[in-house]
N, C-alpha and C. Protein backbone atom coordinates (compact mmCIF):
# COMPACT_ATOMS: atom_id res chain seq x y z
N UNK A 1 0.83 -1.18 0.00
CA UNK A 1 0.00 0.00 0.00
C UNK A 1 0.88 1.25 0.00
N UNK A 2 0.54 2.19 -0.85
CA UNK A 2 1.29 3.43 -0.94
C UNK A 2 1.07 4.29 0.31
N UNK A 3 2.15 4.85 0.85
CA UNK A 3 2.02 5.73 2.00
C UNK A 3 1.64 7.12 1.51
N UNK A 4 0.62 7.68 2.13
CA UNK A 4 0.16 9.01 1.75
C UNK A 4 0.88 10.06 2.57
N UNK A 5 1.18 11.19 1.95
CA UNK A 5 1.77 12.29 2.69
C UNK A 5 0.85 13.49 2.57
N UNK A 6 0.91 14.33 3.56
CA UNK A 6 0.04 15.49 3.60
C UNK A 6 0.86 16.75 3.38
N UNK A 7 0.33 17.65 2.59
CA UNK A 7 0.95 18.95 2.38
C UNK A 7 -0.11 20.01 2.60
N UNK A 8 0.29 21.26 2.60
CA UNK A 8 -0.66 22.34 2.76
C UNK A 8 -0.23 23.54 1.93
N UNK A 9 -1.21 24.38 1.60
CA UNK A 9 -0.92 25.66 0.97
C UNK A 9 -0.87 26.69 2.08
N UNK A 10 0.19 27.47 2.11
CA UNK A 10 0.32 28.48 3.15
C UNK A 10 -0.83 29.47 3.06
N UNK A 11 -1.47 29.77 4.18
CA UNK A 11 -2.65 30.63 4.13
C UNK A 11 -2.36 32.12 4.06
N UNK A 12 -1.19 32.55 4.51
CA UNK A 12 -0.99 34.00 4.55
C UNK A 12 0.42 34.46 4.18
N UNK A 13 1.47 33.92 4.76
CA UNK A 13 2.81 34.45 4.55
C UNK A 13 3.23 34.48 3.08
N UNK A 14 3.46 33.33 2.48
CA UNK A 14 3.80 33.25 1.06
C UNK A 14 2.61 32.63 0.37
N UNK A 15 1.55 33.33 0.23
CA UNK A 15 0.24 32.82 -0.22
C UNK A 15 0.35 31.74 -1.30
N UNK A 16 -0.25 30.60 -0.99
CA UNK A 16 -0.36 29.53 -1.97
C UNK A 16 0.84 28.64 -2.14
N UNK A 17 1.91 28.83 -1.38
CA UNK A 17 3.09 27.98 -1.48
C UNK A 17 2.75 26.61 -0.87
N UNK A 18 3.10 25.53 -1.57
CA UNK A 18 2.81 24.18 -1.08
C UNK A 18 4.00 23.69 -0.26
N UNK A 19 3.72 23.25 0.98
CA UNK A 19 4.75 22.73 1.88
C UNK A 19 4.29 21.40 2.46
N UNK A 20 5.24 20.51 2.74
CA UNK A 20 4.92 19.23 3.37
C UNK A 20 4.72 19.40 4.86
N UNK A 21 3.81 18.61 5.44
CA UNK A 21 3.70 18.54 6.88
C UNK A 21 4.91 17.76 7.40
N UNK A 22 5.15 17.83 8.70
CA UNK A 22 6.36 17.25 9.28
C UNK A 22 6.33 15.72 9.31
N UNK A 23 7.51 15.15 9.28
CA UNK A 23 7.72 13.71 9.42
C UNK A 23 8.30 13.36 10.78
N UNK A 24 8.82 14.36 11.49
CA UNK A 24 9.48 14.10 12.78
C UNK A 24 8.82 14.92 13.87
N UNK A 25 8.67 14.27 15.00
CA UNK A 25 8.08 14.90 16.19
C UNK A 25 9.16 15.65 16.96
N UNK A 26 8.85 16.84 17.44
CA UNK A 26 9.71 17.54 18.38
C UNK A 26 8.83 18.41 19.26
N UNK A 27 9.40 19.31 20.04
CA UNK A 27 8.58 20.07 20.97
C UNK A 27 7.72 21.13 20.29
N UNK A 28 7.96 21.45 19.02
CA UNK A 28 7.15 22.43 18.31
C UNK A 28 6.24 21.82 17.25
N UNK A 29 6.58 20.63 16.74
CA UNK A 29 5.82 20.05 15.64
C UNK A 29 5.33 18.64 15.96
N UNK A 30 4.12 18.36 15.49
CA UNK A 30 3.52 17.03 15.58
C UNK A 30 3.97 16.25 14.35
N UNK A 31 4.32 15.00 14.51
CA UNK A 31 4.65 14.15 13.36
C UNK A 31 3.35 13.76 12.68
N UNK A 32 3.14 14.24 11.47
CA UNK A 32 1.88 14.02 10.75
C UNK A 32 2.03 12.95 9.68
N UNK A 33 3.09 13.03 8.89
CA UNK A 33 3.27 12.10 7.78
C UNK A 33 3.93 10.81 8.23
N UNK A 34 3.60 9.66 7.70
CA UNK A 34 2.52 9.42 6.74
C UNK A 34 1.15 9.51 7.42
N UNK A 35 0.14 9.83 6.65
CA UNK A 35 -1.21 10.00 7.19
C UNK A 35 -2.12 8.85 6.78
N UNK A 36 -3.24 8.76 7.49
CA UNK A 36 -4.29 7.80 7.14
C UNK A 36 -5.53 8.60 6.76
N UNK A 37 -6.15 8.23 5.64
CA UNK A 37 -7.37 8.90 5.20
C UNK A 37 -8.45 7.85 4.99
N UNK A 38 -9.62 8.12 5.54
CA UNK A 38 -10.78 7.26 5.31
C UNK A 38 -11.91 8.15 4.83
N UNK A 39 -12.47 7.82 3.67
CA UNK A 39 -13.58 8.60 3.14
C UNK A 39 -14.87 8.14 3.80
N UNK A 40 -15.58 9.08 4.42
CA UNK A 40 -16.83 8.79 5.10
C UNK A 40 -17.99 8.91 4.11
N UNK A 41 -18.01 10.01 3.37
CA UNK A 41 -18.99 10.22 2.29
C UNK A 41 -18.43 11.26 1.33
N UNK A 42 -19.26 11.81 0.43
CA UNK A 42 -18.77 12.73 -0.60
C UNK A 42 -18.20 14.04 -0.07
N UNK A 43 -18.47 14.38 1.17
CA UNK A 43 -17.99 15.64 1.71
C UNK A 43 -17.31 15.55 3.05
N UNK A 44 -17.09 14.32 3.57
CA UNK A 44 -16.48 14.15 4.88
C UNK A 44 -15.38 13.10 4.82
N UNK A 45 -14.23 13.41 5.42
CA UNK A 45 -13.13 12.45 5.50
C UNK A 45 -12.60 12.39 6.93
N UNK A 46 -11.99 11.26 7.24
CA UNK A 46 -11.30 11.04 8.51
C UNK A 46 -9.81 11.11 8.19
N UNK A 47 -9.10 12.02 8.85
CA UNK A 47 -7.65 12.15 8.64
C UNK A 47 -6.97 11.96 9.99
N UNK A 48 -5.96 11.09 10.02
CA UNK A 48 -5.19 10.91 11.25
C UNK A 48 -3.73 10.70 10.92
N UNK A 49 -2.89 10.87 11.92
CA UNK A 49 -1.49 10.56 11.71
C UNK A 49 -1.30 9.05 11.79
N UNK A 50 -0.07 8.58 11.69
CA UNK A 50 0.18 7.14 11.66
C UNK A 50 -0.18 6.44 12.97
N UNK A 51 -0.41 7.21 14.05
CA UNK A 51 -0.78 6.61 15.34
C UNK A 51 -2.28 6.73 15.60
N UNK A 52 -3.05 7.08 14.59
CA UNK A 52 -4.51 7.28 14.67
C UNK A 52 -4.92 8.45 15.55
N UNK A 53 -4.02 9.41 15.73
CA UNK A 53 -4.36 10.64 16.46
C UNK A 53 -4.85 11.68 15.46
N UNK A 54 -5.73 12.55 15.92
CA UNK A 54 -6.20 13.64 15.07
C UNK A 54 -5.08 14.62 14.78
N UNK A 55 -5.35 15.55 13.89
CA UNK A 55 -4.37 16.53 13.47
C UNK A 55 -4.82 17.91 13.98
N UNK A 56 -3.86 18.70 14.44
CA UNK A 56 -4.19 20.03 14.96
C UNK A 56 -4.71 20.94 13.86
N UNK A 57 -5.62 21.81 14.25
CA UNK A 57 -6.00 22.91 13.38
C UNK A 57 -6.00 24.18 14.22
N UNK A 58 -5.88 25.30 13.54
CA UNK A 58 -5.86 26.60 14.20
C UNK A 58 -6.56 27.60 13.30
N UNK A 59 -6.57 28.84 13.66
CA UNK A 59 -7.25 29.84 12.86
C UNK A 59 -6.57 31.20 13.00
N UNK A 60 -6.90 32.06 12.07
CA UNK A 60 -6.53 33.46 12.19
C UNK A 60 -7.72 34.29 11.72
N UNK A 61 -7.75 35.56 12.06
CA UNK A 61 -8.83 36.45 11.68
C UNK A 61 -8.42 37.22 10.43
N UNK A 62 -9.21 37.10 9.35
CA UNK A 62 -8.94 37.85 8.13
C UNK A 62 -9.16 39.33 8.42
N UNK A 63 -8.14 40.15 8.16
CA UNK A 63 -8.21 41.57 8.51
C UNK A 63 -9.20 42.35 7.65
N UNK A 64 -9.52 41.85 6.46
CA UNK A 64 -10.46 42.57 5.58
C UNK A 64 -11.91 42.20 5.88
N UNK A 65 -12.17 40.90 6.08
CA UNK A 65 -13.55 40.44 6.27
C UNK A 65 -13.89 40.18 7.73
N UNK A 66 -12.89 40.11 8.59
CA UNK A 66 -13.05 39.80 10.01
C UNK A 66 -13.64 38.41 10.24
N UNK A 67 -13.47 37.52 9.26
CA UNK A 67 -13.92 36.13 9.41
C UNK A 67 -12.77 35.30 9.96
N UNK A 68 -13.12 34.26 10.70
CA UNK A 68 -12.12 33.30 11.17
C UNK A 68 -11.79 32.33 10.05
N UNK A 69 -10.52 32.18 9.72
CA UNK A 69 -10.05 31.27 8.68
C UNK A 69 -9.37 30.10 9.39
N UNK A 70 -9.91 28.90 9.24
CA UNK A 70 -9.38 27.70 9.91
C UNK A 70 -8.51 26.92 8.94
N UNK A 71 -7.42 26.32 9.46
CA UNK A 71 -6.56 25.49 8.62
C UNK A 71 -5.82 24.46 9.47
N UNK A 72 -5.45 23.35 8.82
CA UNK A 72 -4.68 22.30 9.48
C UNK A 72 -3.25 22.76 9.67
N UNK A 73 -2.62 22.28 10.72
CA UNK A 73 -1.23 22.63 10.97
C UNK A 73 -0.51 21.46 11.63
N UNK A 74 0.79 21.41 11.44
CA UNK A 74 1.59 20.41 12.15
C UNK A 74 2.25 21.01 13.39
N UNK A 75 2.04 22.31 13.61
CA UNK A 75 2.58 22.95 14.82
C UNK A 75 1.75 22.55 16.02
N UNK A 76 2.42 22.46 17.16
CA UNK A 76 1.74 22.16 18.43
C UNK A 76 1.64 23.44 19.25
N UNK A 77 0.64 23.53 20.12
CA UNK A 77 0.63 24.67 21.03
C UNK A 77 1.82 24.56 21.98
N UNK A 78 2.62 25.60 22.06
CA UNK A 78 3.84 25.54 22.88
C UNK A 78 3.74 26.35 24.16
N UNK A 79 2.64 27.08 24.33
CA UNK A 79 2.47 27.84 25.57
C UNK A 79 1.00 27.83 25.97
N UNK A 80 0.72 28.25 27.17
CA UNK A 80 -0.68 28.33 27.64
C UNK A 80 -1.49 29.27 26.75
N UNK A 81 -0.86 30.35 26.29
CA UNK A 81 -1.52 31.32 25.41
C UNK A 81 -1.95 30.66 24.09
N UNK A 82 -1.11 29.77 23.57
CA UNK A 82 -1.41 29.08 22.31
C UNK A 82 -2.51 28.03 22.43
N UNK A 83 -2.70 27.47 23.62
CA UNK A 83 -3.67 26.38 23.77
C UNK A 83 -5.07 26.77 23.34
N UNK A 84 -5.44 28.03 23.49
CA UNK A 84 -6.77 28.47 23.06
C UNK A 84 -6.90 28.59 21.55
N UNK A 85 -5.78 28.65 20.85
CA UNK A 85 -5.79 28.81 19.40
C UNK A 85 -5.77 27.47 18.65
N UNK A 86 -5.39 26.39 19.32
CA UNK A 86 -5.24 25.09 18.66
C UNK A 86 -6.27 24.09 19.17
N UNK A 87 -6.79 23.29 18.26
CA UNK A 87 -7.66 22.18 18.61
C UNK A 87 -7.24 20.98 17.78
N UNK A 88 -7.69 19.82 18.19
CA UNK A 88 -7.34 18.59 17.50
C UNK A 88 -8.61 17.93 16.98
N UNK A 89 -8.60 17.51 15.73
CA UNK A 89 -9.78 16.88 15.14
C UNK A 89 -9.36 15.79 14.17
N UNK A 90 -10.30 14.91 13.84
CA UNK A 90 -10.01 13.87 12.85
C UNK A 90 -11.08 13.79 11.76
N UNK A 91 -12.22 14.43 11.92
CA UNK A 91 -13.25 14.47 10.87
C UNK A 91 -13.27 15.85 10.24
N UNK A 92 -13.25 15.89 8.92
CA UNK A 92 -13.20 17.15 8.19
C UNK A 92 -14.15 17.12 7.01
N UNK A 93 -14.73 18.27 6.71
CA UNK A 93 -15.47 18.40 5.46
C UNK A 93 -14.46 18.84 4.41
N UNK A 94 -14.74 18.53 3.15
CA UNK A 94 -13.78 18.85 2.10
C UNK A 94 -14.49 19.08 0.77
N UNK A 95 -13.73 19.66 -0.16
CA UNK A 95 -14.13 19.74 -1.55
C UNK A 95 -12.88 19.47 -2.38
N UNK A 96 -13.06 19.01 -3.58
CA UNK A 96 -11.91 18.67 -4.42
C UNK A 96 -11.49 19.87 -5.26
N UNK A 97 -10.22 19.87 -5.62
CA UNK A 97 -9.64 20.97 -6.40
C UNK A 97 -8.54 20.40 -7.27
N UNK A 98 -8.52 20.77 -8.52
CA UNK A 98 -7.48 20.29 -9.43
C UNK A 98 -6.25 21.18 -9.29
N UNK A 99 -5.07 20.57 -9.12
CA UNK A 99 -3.82 21.34 -8.99
C UNK A 99 -3.12 21.43 -10.33
């Protein structure tokens, strides 16, 4: 079976740059790759790391629209202040996009 890897498009700094999620665990990053994906239905998937743990997500506030923008991350909360910004989940809604 082919091992799947997860990447992401940067949401703000270098808009749209594709980067791989981490392969190694340390005090700042969660080891995400290789990942497990299970399709639940046409709009819902289960994503976990190789240990069946959920993946962190966080958000930022768009300065123009004032909407919360949520995205997956391999960073871990490293301080008490960060804990309110990060959550862990394994079920996600999705849509497909051709690259």
